[in-house]
Amino acid sequence: MDQFAAMRAFVKVVETGGFSEASRQLDLAVSSVTRQVNSLEEMLNTQLLNRSTRSITLTPQGRQYYEKAVRILQDVEEANACVMEGSDVPRGLLKVSMPVAFGRLHVAPILRDFLAQYPEVKLELRLSDGLANLVEDELDMVIRIGNLDRSGATLIVRKLASHTRLVCGSPDYFKQYGKPTHPNDLVDRNCLLFAYSTGGAVWRFQQDVQMYEVKVNGSLTANNSEVLRQLCLDGAGLILMPTWLVGEDIRAGRLQAVLTDFQVHPQVEMDMGIYALYLPNRRYSLRVKTFIDFLVKRFGNPPYWEETAI
């Protein structure tokens, strides 16, 4: 038995959730992958996987072995690359998914610098506001804002930047309707709403220890933040949007932030942060680490977009 091949097969089965998908990604027959995993269990004299007709899950021993195996395989991969290529310079294809607006506004403008600094790296970007799946979509990493649903997978998470939201409106809107001075004033305003997959149209605020939950209503709901921003610029209503989207508009006077004495509740899902997520077998990937380090440095702490907005 080729132990490294069996280890790779086992790790791929865990990551993909099944033998069929693992065999497809490994370009092997299902019977071959099954035989390798069975041989690995026989060699270890331990059951690594619980198998049923509907799912495959790790046993306690299997989870422990999986965590060690991904590290070993990544170490081997990095060591081979280092020796074969003669350097520790990041190289190869890096596949990354991120939200559309954030990617367009804050990642795309700095990619030329990254590629110039690391010419051996090739980037494949996938911009989508849906939740990309690292395994099914064969991605190296994803950027997510707030939502850290890991779908049962063991993921590595690194924070890229803070995520702050503000209530905003256009000068024309406030000239016509006046500025709200308390969260409860929002009940009577036209609040343009983002179409969250879960939760209702409730905006939550905090001032000192006092919490406020306001059920807001509006004439429009959209699943694209840039559409809401444009309507707000046009004076159609108020929005609750992140500083990375509206910071420059506030600095330029196109939008005005209100209720700044109140903090958008930090425990709300969308106010947790901006994160990079990747699988354990990418923990030691020089491409992933280098790209994350680059983003963290360029975004800054606090991120540059908050300095223009707050």
C-alpha atoms as a PDB file:
ATOM      1  CA  MET A   1       0.000   0.000   0.000  1.00  0.00           C
ATOM      2  CA  ASP A   2       1.192   3.501  -0.870  1.00  0.00           C
ATOM      3  CA  GLN A   3       0.533   5.159   2.472  1.00  0.00           C
ATOM      4  CA  PHE A   4       0.733   8.719   1.130  1.00  0.00           C
ATOM      5  CA  ALA A   5      -1.720   7.891  -1.666  1.00  0.00           C
ATOM      6  CA  ALA A   6      -4.076   6.294   0.855  1.00  0.00           C
ATOM      7  CA  MET A   7      -3.743   9.305   3.125  1.00  0.00           C
ATOM      8  CA  ARG A   8      -4.570  11.645   0.237  1.00  0.00           C
ATOM      9  CA  ALA A   9      -7.595   9.544  -0.657  1.00  0.00           C
ATOM     10  CA  PHE A  10      -8.831   9.600   2.943  1.00  0.00           C
ATOM     11  CA  VAL A  11      -8.409  13.381   3.242  1.00  0.00           C
ATOM     12  CA  LYS A  12     -10.203  13.951  -0.053  1.00  0.00           C
ATOM     13  CA  VAL A  13     -13.130  11.752   1.019  1.00  0.00           C
ATOM     14  CA  VAL A  14     -13.475  13.773   4.217  1.00  0.00           C
ATOM     15  CA  GLU A  15     -13.277  17.109   2.408  1.00  0.00           C
ATOM     16  CA  THR A  16     -15.758  16.174  -0.311  1.00  0.00           C
ATOM     17  CA  GLY A  17     -18.106  14.189   1.919  1.00  0.00           C
ATOM     18  CA  GLY A  18     -18.124  11.077  -0.216  1.00  0.00           C
ATOM     19  CA  PHE A  19     -16.179   8.554  -2.261  1.00  0.00           C
ATOM     20  CA  SER A  20     -17.714   9.505  -5.612  1.00  0.00           C
ATOM     21  CA  GLU A  21     -16.712  13.167  -5.516  1.00  0.00           C
ATOM     22  CA  ALA A  22     -13.319  12.291  -4.040  1.00  0.00           C
ATOM     23  CA  SER A  23     -12.647   9.859  -6.865  1.00  0.00           C
ATOM     24  CA  ARG A  24     -13.686  12.468  -9.435  1.00  0.00           C
ATOM     25  CA  GLN A  25     -11.311  15.081  -8.036  1.00  0.00           C
ATOM     26  CA  LEU A  26      -8.494  12.542  -7.729  1.00  0.00           C
ATOM     27  CA  ASP A  27      -9.224  11.177 -11.213  1.00  0.00           C
ATOM     28  CA  LEU A  28      -9.441   7.636  -9.852  1.00  0.00           C
ATOM     29  CA  ALA A  29     -12.074   4.931  -9.887  1.00  0.00           C
ATOM     30  CA  VAL A  30     -14.404   4.876  -6.891  1.00  0.00           C
ATOM     31  CA  SER A  31     -13.290   1.317  -6.195  1.00  0.00           C
ATOM     32  CA  SER A  32      -9.661   2.455  -6.058  1.00  0.00           C
ATOM     33  CA  VAL A  33     -10.378   5.223  -3.546  1.00  0.00           C
ATOM     34  CA  THR A  34     -12.490   2.860  -1.450  1.00  0.00           C
ATOM     35  CA  ARG A  35      -9.731   0.249  -1.472  1.00  0.00           C
ATOM     36  CA  GLN A  36      -7.105   2.798  -0.402  1.00  0.00           C
ATOM     37  CA  VAL A  37      -9.177   4.041   2.538  1.00  0.00           C
ATOM     38  CA  ASN A  38     -10.021   0.489   3.597  1.00  0.00           C
ATOM     39  CA  SER A  39      -6.338  -0.467   3.451  1.00  0.00           C
ATOM     40  CA  LEU A  40      -5.446   2.565   5.555  1.00  0.00           C
ATOM     41  CA  GLU A  41      -7.963   1.557   8.215  1.00  0.00           C
ATOM     42  CA  GLU A  42      -6.648  -2.011   8.178  1.00  0.00           C
ATOM     43  CA  MET A  43      -3.067  -0.825   8.575  1.00  0.00           C
ATOM     44  CA  LEU A  44      -4.033   1.421  11.507  1.00  0.00           C
ATOM     45  CA  ASN A  45      -6.383  -1.216  12.914  1.00  0.00           C
ATOM     46  CA  THR A  46      -8.827   1.655  13.455  1.00  0.00           C
ATOM     47  CA  GLN A  47     -12.108   2.719  11.903  1.00  0.00           C
ATOM     48  CA  LEU A  48     -11.657   6.239  10.551  1.00  0.00           C
ATOM     49  CA  LEU A  49     -15.045   6.753   8.901  1.00  0.00           C
ATOM     50  CA  ASN A  50     -18.633   6.015   9.816  1.00  0.00           C
ATOM     51  CA  ARG A  51     -20.298   4.943   6.579  1.00  0.00           C
ATOM     52  CA  SER A  52     -24.006   4.930   5.825  1.00  0.00           C
ATOM     53  CA  THR A  53     -26.042   5.019   2.644  1.00  0.00           C
ATOM     54  CA  ARG A  54     -26.672   8.745   3.145  1.00  0.00           C
ATOM     55  CA  SER A  55     -23.527  10.175   4.684  1.00  0.00           C
ATOM     56  CA  ILE A  56     -19.933   9.684   5.741  1.00  0.00           C
ATOM     57  CA  THR A  57     -18.709  11.080   9.048  1.00  0.00           C
ATOM     58  CA  LEU A  58     -15.463  10.933  10.958  1.00  0.00           C
ATOM     59  CA  THR A  59     -15.022   8.775  14.009  1.00  0.00           C
ATOM     60  CA  PRO A  60     -13.194  10.423  16.935  1.00  0.00           C
ATOM     61  CA  GLN A  61     -10.036   8.608  15.874  1.00  0.00           C
ATOM     62  CA  GLY A  62     -10.704   9.596  12.274  1.00  0.00           C
ATOM     63  CA  ARG A  63     -10.964  13.280  13.127  1.00  0.00           C
ATOM     64  CA  GLN A  64      -7.673  13.148  14.995  1.00  0.00           C
ATOM     65  CA  TYR A  65      -5.998  11.363  12.096  1.00  0.00           C
ATOM     66  CA  TYR A  66      -7.508  13.753   9.543  1.00  0.00           C
ATOM     67  CA  GLU A  67      -6.125  16.839  11.289  1.00  0.00           C
ATOM     68  CA  LYS A  68      -2.652  15.293  11.364  1.00  0.00           C
ATOM     69  CA  ALA A  69      -2.892  13.974   7.811  1.00  0.00           C
ATOM     70  CA  VAL A  70      -3.734  17.302   6.184  1.00  0.00           C
ATOM     71  CA  ARG A  71      -0.766  18.883   7.904  1.00  0.00           C
ATOM     72  CA  ILE A  72       1.587  16.102   6.793  1.00  0.00           C
ATOM     73  CA  LEU A  73       0.375  16.230   3.200  1.00  0.00           C
ATOM     74  CA  GLN A  74       0.712  19.995   3.049  1.00  0.00           C
ATOM     75  CA  ASP A  75       4.210  19.808   4.522  1.00  0.00           C
ATOM     76  CA  VAL A  76       5.176  17.272   1.875  1.00  0.00           C
ATOM     77  CA  GLU A  77       3.665  19.406  -0.888  1.00  0.00           C
ATOM     78  CA  GLU A  78       5.462  22.533   0.272  1.00  0.00           C
ATOM     79  CA  ALA A  79       8.750  20.659   0.751  1.00  0.00           C
ATOM     80  CA  ASN A  80       8.558  19.160  -2.735  1.00  0.00           C
ATOM     81  CA  ALA A  81       7.790  22.527  -4.287  1.00  0.00           C
ATOM     82  CA  CYS A  82      10.639  24.168  -2.414  1.00  0.00           C
ATOM     83  CA  VAL A  83      13.201  21.596  -3.557  1.00  0.00           C
ATOM     84  CA  MET A  84      11.912  21.151  -7.096  1.00  0.00           C
ATOM     85  CA  GLU A  85      11.520  24.866  -7.763  1.00  0.00           C
ATOM     86  CA  GLY A  86      14.539  25.983  -5.783  1.00  0.00           C
ATOM     87  CA  SER A  87      12.862  28.723  -3.758  1.00  0.00           C
ATOM     88  CA  ASP A  88      10.130  29.521  -1.290  1.00  0.00           C
ATOM     89  CA  VAL A  89       8.555  32.114  -3.600  1.00  0.00           C
ATOM     90  CA  PRO A  90       4.759  31.681  -3.858  1.00  0.00           C
ATOM     91  CA  ARG A  91       3.746  30.295  -7.230  1.00  0.00           C
ATOM     92  CA  GLY A  92       0.933  28.480  -8.942  1.00  0.00           C
ATOM     93  CA  LEU A  93      -2.826  28.923  -9.281  1.00  0.00           C
ATOM     94  CA  LEU A  94      -4.752  30.560  -6.426  1.00  0.00           C
ATOM     95  CA  LYS A  95      -8.558  30.297  -6.639  1.00  0.00           C
ATOM     96  CA  VAL A  96     -10.452  32.808  -4.490  1.00  0.00           C
ATOM     97  CA  SER A  97     -14.144  33.662  -4.091  1.00  0.00           C
ATOM     98  CA  MET A  98     -15.454  36.924  -2.602  1.00  0.00           C
ATOM     99  CA  PRO A  99     -18.584  39.130  -2.520  1.00  0.00           C
ATOM    100  CA  VAL A 100     -19.159  41.125  -5.694  1.00  0.00           C
ATOM    101  CA  ALA A 101     -19.171  44.693  -4.351  1.00  0.00           C
ATOM    102  CA  PHE A 102     -16.330  44.198  -1.883  1.00  0.00           C
ATOM    103  CA  GLY A 103     -14.201  42.500  -4.503  1.00  0.00           C
ATOM    104  CA  ARG A 104     -14.823  45.214  -7.070  1.00  0.00           C
ATOM    105  CA  LEU A 105     -14.234  48.128  -4.690  1.00  0.00           C
ATOM    106  CA  HIS A 106     -11.414  46.940  -2.454  1.00  0.00           C
ATOM    107  CA  VAL A 107      -9.702  43.868  -3.916  1.00  0.00           C
ATOM    108  CA  ALA A 108      -9.639  44.487  -7.667  1.00  0.00           C
ATOM    109  CA  PRO A 109      -7.848  47.873  -7.342  1.00  0.00           C
ATOM    110  CA  ILE A 110      -4.868  46.299  -5.555  1.00  0.00           C
ATOM    111  CA  LEU A 111      -4.522  43.085  -7.564  1.00  0.00           C
ATOM    112  CA  ARG A 112      -2.121  44.610 -10.057  1.00  0.00           C
ATOM    113  CA  ASP A 113       0.295  45.343  -7.211  1.00  0.00           C
ATOM    114  CA  PHE A 114      -0.040  41.798  -5.862  1.00  0.00           C
ATOM    115  CA  LEU A 115       0.596  40.190  -9.239  1.00  0.00           C
ATOM    116  CA  ALA A 116       3.551  42.482  -9.881  1.00  0.00           C
ATOM    117  CA  GLN A 117       5.028  41.602  -6.502  1.00  0.00           C
ATOM    118  CA  TYR A 118       4.405  37.859  -6.939  1.00  0.00           C
ATOM    119  CA  PRO A 119       4.639  37.189 -10.695  1.00  0.00           C
ATOM    120  CA  GLU A 120       4.708  33.403 -10.253  1.00  0.00           C
ATOM    121  CA  VAL A 121       1.152  33.404  -8.832  1.00  0.00           C
ATOM    122  CA  LYS A 122      -1.870  33.129 -11.107  1.00  0.00           C
ATOM    123  CA  LEU A 123      -5.176  34.302  -9.654  1.00  0.00           C
ATOM    124  CA  GLU A 124      -8.610  32.934 -10.475  1.00  0.00           C
ATOM    125  CA  LEU A 125     -11.258  35.200  -8.918  1.00  0.00           C
ATOM    126  CA  ARG A 126     -14.912  34.284  -8.548  1.00  0.00           C
ATOM    127  CA  LEU A 127     -17.127  37.184  -7.519  1.00  0.00           C
ATOM    128  CA  SER A 128     -20.461  36.087  -6.094  1.00  0.00           C
ATOM    129  CA  ASP A 129     -22.802  37.133  -3.312  1.00  0.00           C
ATOM    130  CA  GLY A 130     -23.715  33.495  -2.726  1.00  0.00           C
ATOM    131  CA  LEU A 131     -21.938  31.288  -0.201  1.00  0.00           C
ATOM    132  CA  ALA A 132     -19.200  29.518  -2.131  1.00  0.00           C
ATOM    133  CA  ASN A 133     -18.278  26.004  -1.042  1.00  0.00           C
ATOM    134  CA  LEU A 134     -14.532  25.496  -0.690  1.00  0.00           C
ATOM    135  CA  VAL A 135     -14.708  21.793  -1.465  1.00  0.00           C
ATOM    136  CA  GLU A 136     -17.385  21.589  -4.152  1.00  0.00           C
ATOM    137  CA  ASP A 137     -16.088  24.680  -5.952  1.00  0.00           C
ATOM    138  CA  GLU A 138     -12.453  23.548  -5.540  1.00  0.00           C
ATOM    139  CA  LEU A 139     -11.376  26.887  -4.063  1.00  0.00           C
ATOM    140  CA  ASP A 140      -8.226  27.706  -2.124  1.00  0.00           C
ATOM    141  CA  MET A 141      -9.922  30.375   0.002  1.00  0.00           C
ATOM    142  CA  VAL A 142     -13.043  32.503   0.270  1.00  0.00           C
ATOM    143  CA  ILE A 143     -13.641  35.982   1.648  1.00  0.00           C
ATOM    144  CA  ARG A 144     -16.819  36.302   3.675  1.00  0.00           C
ATOM    145  CA  ILE A 145     -18.379  39.196   5.505  1.00  0.00           C
ATOM    146  CA  GLY A 146     -20.028  38.338   8.805  1.00  0.00           C
ATOM    147  CA  ASN A 147     -21.500  34.993   7.797  1.00  0.00           C
ATOM    148  CA  LEU A 148     -19.249  32.201   9.056  1.00  0.00           C
ATOM    149  CA  ASP A 149     -21.512  29.223   8.455  1.00  0.00           C
ATOM    150  CA  ARG A 150     -18.949  26.471   7.954  1.00  0.00           C
ATOM    151  CA  SER A 151     -21.468  23.877   6.783  1.00  0.00           C
ATOM    152  CA  GLY A 152     -19.997  21.251   9.060  1.00  0.00           C
ATOM    153  CA  ALA A 153     -16.465  21.563   7.689  1.00  0.00           C
ATOM    154  CA  THR A 154     -13.380  22.268   9.739  1.00  0.00           C
ATOM    155  CA  LEU A 155     -12.173  25.594   8.379  1.00  0.00           C
ATOM    156  CA  ILE A 156      -9.333  27.928   9.249  1.00  0.00           C
ATOM    157  CA  VAL A 157     -10.503  31.514   9.764  1.00  0.00           C
ATOM    158  CA  ARG A 158      -8.400  34.672   9.678  1.00  0.00           C
ATOM    159  CA  LYS A 159      -9.788  38.171  10.124  1.00  0.00           C
ATOM    160  CA  LEU A 160      -8.887  40.579   7.335  1.00  0.00           C
ATOM    161  CA  ALA A 161     -10.560  43.731   8.643  1.00  0.00           C
ATOM    162  CA  SER A 162     -13.286  45.076  10.890  1.00  0.00           C
ATOM    163  CA  HIS A 163     -16.803  45.579   9.547  1.00  0.00           C
ATOM    164  CA  THR A 164     -18.761  48.650  10.640  1.00  0.00           C
ATOM    165  CA  ARG A 165     -22.176  49.734   9.375  1.00  0.00           C
ATOM    166  CA  LEU A 166     -23.820  53.152   9.398  1.00  0.00           C
ATOM    167  CA  VAL A 167     -27.278  54.531   8.663  1.00  0.00           C
ATOM    168  CA  CYS A 168     -26.965  56.886   5.696  1.00  0.00           C
ATOM    169  CA  GLY A 169     -29.066  59.152   3.539  1.00  0.00           C
ATOM    170  CA  SER A 170     -28.554  61.769   0.857  1.00  0.00           C
ATOM    171  CA  PRO A 171     -28.528  65.520   1.608  1.00  0.00           C
ATOM    172  CA  ASP A 172     -31.671  65.912  -0.533  1.00  0.00           C
ATOM    173  CA  TYR A 173     -33.496  63.226   1.441  1.00  0.00           C
ATOM    174  CA  PHE A 174     -32.642  64.864   4.754  1.00  0.00           C
ATOM    175  CA  LYS A 175     -33.607  68.280   3.401  1.00  0.00           C
ATOM    176  CA  GLN A 176     -37.059  66.941   2.620  1.00  0.00           C
ATOM    177  CA  TYR A 177     -37.660  64.658   5.611  1.00  0.00           C
ATOM    178  CA  GLY A 178     -35.183  65.783   8.261  1.00  0.00           C
ATOM    179  CA  LYS A 179     -32.542  63.703  10.030  1.00  0.00           C
ATOM    180  CA  PRO A 180     -33.538  60.993  12.508  1.00  0.00           C
ATOM    181  CA  THR A 181     -32.039  61.608  15.944  1.00  0.00           C
ATOM    182  CA  HIS A 182     -33.098  58.349  17.602  1.00  0.00           C
ATOM    183  CA  PRO A 183     -33.402  54.778  16.286  1.00  0.00           C
ATOM    184  CA  ASN A 184     -37.154  54.832  16.921  1.00  0.00           C
ATOM    185  CA  ASP A 185     -37.458  57.628  14.339  1.00  0.00           C
ATOM    186  CA  LEU A 186     -36.671  55.054  11.652  1.00  0.00           C
ATOM    187  CA  VAL A 187     -40.141  53.536  11.992  1.00  0.00           C
ATOM    188  CA  ASP A 188     -41.571  56.387   9.923  1.00  0.00           C
ATOM    189  CA  ARG A 189     -38.783  56.493   7.318  1.00  0.00           C
ATOM    190  CA  ASN A 190     -38.384  54.726   3.998  1.00  0.00           C
ATOM    191  CA  CYS A 191     -35.595  52.245   4.770  1.00  0.00           C
ATOM    192  CA  LEU A 192     -34.144  50.485   1.747  1.00  0.00           C
ATOM    193  CA  LEU A 193     -33.521  46.902   2.790  1.00  0.00           C
ATOM    194  CA  PHE A 194     -30.950  44.266   1.976  1.00  0.00           C
ATOM    195  CA  ALA A 195     -32.506  40.859   1.295  1.00  0.00           C
ATOM    196  CA  TYR A 196     -30.894  38.690   3.961  1.00  0.00           C
ATOM    197  CA  SER A 197     -31.417  34.965   3.644  1.00  0.00           C
ATOM    198  CA  THR A 198     -32.511  34.802   7.284  1.00  0.00           C
ATOM    199  CA  GLY A 199     -33.949  37.248   9.791  1.00  0.00           C
ATOM    200  CA  GLY A 200     -36.462  40.045   9.413  1.00  0.00           C
ATOM    201  CA  ALA A 201     -36.152  43.739   8.723  1.00  0.00           C
ATOM    202  CA  VAL A 202     -34.962  44.665  12.205  1.00  0.00           C
ATOM    203  CA  TRP A 203     -32.170  47.183  12.744  1.00  0.00           C
ATOM    204  CA  ARG A 204     -30.486  46.909  16.131  1.00  0.00           C
ATOM    205  CA  PHE A 205     -28.575  49.640  17.937  1.00  0.00           C
ATOM    206  CA  GLN A 206     -26.769  50.078  21.216  1.00  0.00           C
ATOM    207  CA  GLN A 207     -25.989  53.162  23.291  1.00  0.00           C
ATOM    208  CA  ASP A 208     -24.058  52.452  26.482  1.00  0.00           C
ATOM    209  CA  VAL A 209     -25.973  49.471  27.941  1.00  0.00           C
ATOM    210  CA  GLN A 210     -29.298  50.318  26.310  1.00  0.00           C
ATOM    211  CA  MET A 211     -30.384  48.212  23.340  1.00  0.00           C
ATOM    212  CA  TYR A 212     -32.863  49.267  20.661  1.00  0.00           C
ATOM    213  CA  GLU A 213     -34.544  46.973  18.140  1.00  0.00           C
ATOM    214  CA  VAL A 214     -36.430  48.795  15.405  1.00  0.00           C
ATOM    215  CA  LYS A 215     -38.664  47.046  12.891  1.00  0.00           C
ATOM    216  CA  VAL A 216     -38.137  49.063   9.729  1.00  0.00           C
ATOM    217  CA  ASN A 217     -40.054  49.149   6.462  1.00  0.00           C
ATOM    218  CA  GLY A 218     -39.342  50.432   3.009  1.00  0.00           C
ATOM    219  CA  SER A 219     -40.407  50.583  -0.606  1.00  0.00           C
ATOM    220  CA  LEU A 220     -37.572  48.393  -1.887  1.00  0.00           C
ATOM    221  CA  THR A 221     -35.723  45.224  -0.969  1.00  0.00           C
ATOM    222  CA  ALA A 222     -32.710  44.110  -3.007  1.00  0.00           C
ATOM    223  CA  ASN A 223     -30.034  41.438  -2.787  1.00  0.00           C
ATOM    224  CA  ASN A 224     -27.310  43.745  -4.110  1.00  0.00           C
ATOM    225  CA  SER A 225     -25.736  46.373  -1.890  1.00  0.00           C
ATOM    226  CA  GLU A 226     -24.630  48.599  -4.766  1.00  0.00           C
ATOM    227  CA  VAL A 227     -28.220  48.899  -6.001  1.00  0.00           C
ATOM    228  CA  LEU A 228     -29.296  50.083  -2.551  1.00  0.00           C
ATOM    229  CA  ARG A 229     -26.396  52.524  -2.401  1.00  0.00           C
ATOM    230  CA  GLN A 230     -27.357  54.053  -5.747  1.00  0.00           C
ATOM    231  CA  LEU A 231     -30.992  54.481  -4.710  1.00  0.00           C
ATOM    232  CA  CYS A 232     -29.840  56.109  -1.492  1.00  0.00           C
ATOM    233  CA  LEU A 233     -27.642  58.498  -3.480  1.00  0.00           C
ATOM    234  CA  ASP A 234     -30.707  59.316  -5.583  1.00  0.00           C
ATOM    235  CA  GLY A 235     -32.636  60.291  -2.443  1.00  0.00           C
ATOM    236  CA  ALA A 236     -35.008  57.317  -2.401  1.00  0.00           C
ATOM    237  CA  GLY A 237     -34.520  56.456   1.277  1.00  0.00           C
ATOM    238  CA  LEU A 238     -32.154  55.421   4.054  1.00  0.00           C
ATOM    239  CA  ILE A 239     -29.741  52.498   4.046  1.00  0.00           C
ATOM    240  CA  LEU A 240     -27.800  50.599   6.698  1.00  0.00           C
ATOM    241  CA  MET A 241     -24.586  49.767   4.911  1.00  0.00           C
ATOM    242  CA  PRO A 242     -20.918  49.030   5.682  1.00  0.00           C
ATOM    243  CA  THR A 243     -18.295  51.741   5.677  1.00  0.00           C
ATOM    244  CA  TRP A 244     -16.375  49.877   2.966  1.00  0.00           C
ATOM    245  CA  LEU A 245     -19.322  50.606   0.635  1.00  0.00           C
ATOM    246  CA  VAL A 246     -20.339  54.150   1.664  1.00  0.00           C
ATOM    247  CA  GLY A 247     -17.170  55.574   3.240  1.00  0.00           C
ATOM    248  CA  GLU A 248     -16.048  57.474   0.159  1.00  0.00           C
ATOM    249  CA  ASP A 249     -19.574  58.828  -0.409  1.00  0.00           C
ATOM    250  CA  ILE A 250     -19.647  60.168   3.150  1.00  0.00           C
ATOM    251  CA  ARG A 251     -16.224  61.747   2.799  1.00  0.00           C
ATOM    252  CA  ALA A 252     -17.278  63.428  -0.455  1.00  0.00           C
ATOM    253  CA  GLY A 253     -20.566  64.665   1.006  1.00  0.00           C
ATOM    254  CA  ARG A 254     -22.754  62.615  -1.328  1.00  0.00           C
ATOM    255  CA  LEU A 255     -24.163  60.764   1.685  1.00  0.00           C
ATOM    256  CA  GLN A 256     -24.490  61.739   5.329  1.00  0.00           C
ATOM    257  CA  ALA A 257     -24.295  59.354   8.276  1.00  0.00           C
ATOM    258  CA  VAL A 258     -26.896  59.692  11.042  1.00  0.00           C
ATOM    259  CA  LEU A 259     -27.417  58.126  14.468  1.00  0.00           C
ATOM    260  CA  THR A 260     -23.652  58.074  14.938  1.00  0.00           C
ATOM    261  CA  ASP A 261     -24.131  58.322  18.717  1.00  0.00           C
ATOM    262  CA  PHE A 262     -25.552  54.807  18.517  1.00  0.00           C
ATOM    263  CA  GLN A 263     -23.584  51.700  17.622  1.00  0.00           C
ATOM    264  CA  VAL A 264     -25.062  49.170  15.259  1.00  0.00           C
ATOM    265  CA  HIS A 265     -25.332  46.157  17.533  1.00  0.00           C
ATOM    266  CA  PRO A 266     -21.951  44.372  17.315  1.00  0.00           C
ATOM    267  CA  GLN A 267     -23.460  40.944  17.949  1.00  0.00           C
ATOM    268  CA  VAL A 268     -25.542  41.041  14.798  1.00  0.00           C
ATOM    269  CA  GLU A 269     -24.238  38.475  12.306  1.00  0.00           C
ATOM    270  CA  MET A 270     -23.247  41.019   9.672  1.00  0.00           C
ATOM    271  CA  ASP A 271     -21.122  43.077  12.077  1.00  0.00           C
ATOM    272  CA  MET A 272     -18.571  40.436  12.992  1.00  0.00           C
ATOM    273  CA  GLY A 273     -15.832  41.212  10.502  1.00  0.00           C
ATOM    274  CA  ILE A 274     -14.375  40.490   7.086  1.00  0.00           C
ATOM    275  CA  TYR A 275     -12.707  37.079   7.024  1.00  0.00           C
ATOM    276  CA  ALA A 276     -10.629  34.751   4.907  1.00  0.00           C
ATOM    277  CA  LEU A 277     -11.595  31.091   5.220  1.00  0.00           C
ATOM    278  CA  TYR A 278      -9.707  28.069   3.951  1.00  0.00           C
ATOM    279  CA  LEU A 279      -9.448  24.339   4.526  1.00  0.00           C
ATOM    280  CA  PRO A 280      -6.848  22.864   6.883  1.00  0.00           C
ATOM    281  CA  ASN A 281      -4.927  21.406   3.961  1.00  0.00           C
ATOM    282  CA  ARG A 282      -4.206  24.981   2.864  1.00  0.00           C
ATOM    283  CA  ARG A 283      -2.889  25.978   6.284  1.00  0.00           C
ATOM    284  CA  TYR A 284       0.701  25.894   5.071  1.00  0.00           C
ATOM    285  CA  SER A 285       0.040  27.010   1.503  1.00  0.00           C
ATOM    286  CA  LEU A 286       2.446  29.821   0.732  1.00  0.00           C
ATOM    287  CA  ARG A 287       0.096  31.195  -1.927  1.00  0.00           C
ATOM    288  CA  VAL A 288      -2.807  31.485   0.520  1.00  0.00           C
ATOM    289  CA  LYS A 289      -0.707  32.909   3.338  1.00  0.00           C
ATOM    290  CA  THR A 290       0.958  35.461   1.071  1.00  0.00           C
ATOM    291  CA  PHE A 291      -2.342  36.676  -0.385  1.00  0.00           C
ATOM    292  CA  ILE A 292      -3.955  37.011   3.050  1.00  0.00           C
ATOM    293  CA  ASP A 293      -0.939  38.874   4.436  1.00  0.00           C
ATOM    294  CA  PHE A 294      -1.062  41.207   1.438  1.00  0.00           C
ATOM    295  CA  LEU A 295      -4.758  41.990   1.960  1.00  0.00           C
ATOM    296  CA  VAL A 296      -4.362  42.593   5.694  1.00  0.00           C
ATOM    297  CA  LYS A 297      -1.493  45.006   5.106  1.00  0.00           C
ATOM    298  CA  ARG A 298      -3.254  46.924   2.337  1.00  0.00           C
ATOM    299  CA  PHE A 299      -6.576  47.164   4.178  1.00  0.00           C
ATOM    300  CA  GLY A 300      -4.908  48.451   7.361  1.00  0.00           C
ATOM    301  CA  ASN A 301      -6.036  48.454  10.982  1.00  0.00           C
ATOM    302  CA  PRO A 302      -8.391  50.221  11.220  1.00  0.00           C
ATOM    303  CA  PRO A 303      -9.173  49.719   7.537  1.00  0.00           C
ATOM    304  CA  TYR A 304      -8.685  52.747   5.329  1.00  0.00           C
ATOM    305  CA  TRP A 305     -12.366  52.908   4.380  1.00  0.00           C
ATOM    306  CA  GLU A 306     -13.365  53.582   7.989  1.00  0.00           C
ATOM    307  CA  GLU A 307     -11.015  56.544   8.197  1.00  0.00           C
ATOM    308  CA  THR A 308     -12.957  58.219   5.392  1.00  0.00           C
ATOM    309  CA  ALA A 309     -16.354  57.507   6.933  1.00  0.00           C
ATOM    310  CA  ILE A 310     -16.164  57.882  10.722  1.00  0.00           C
END
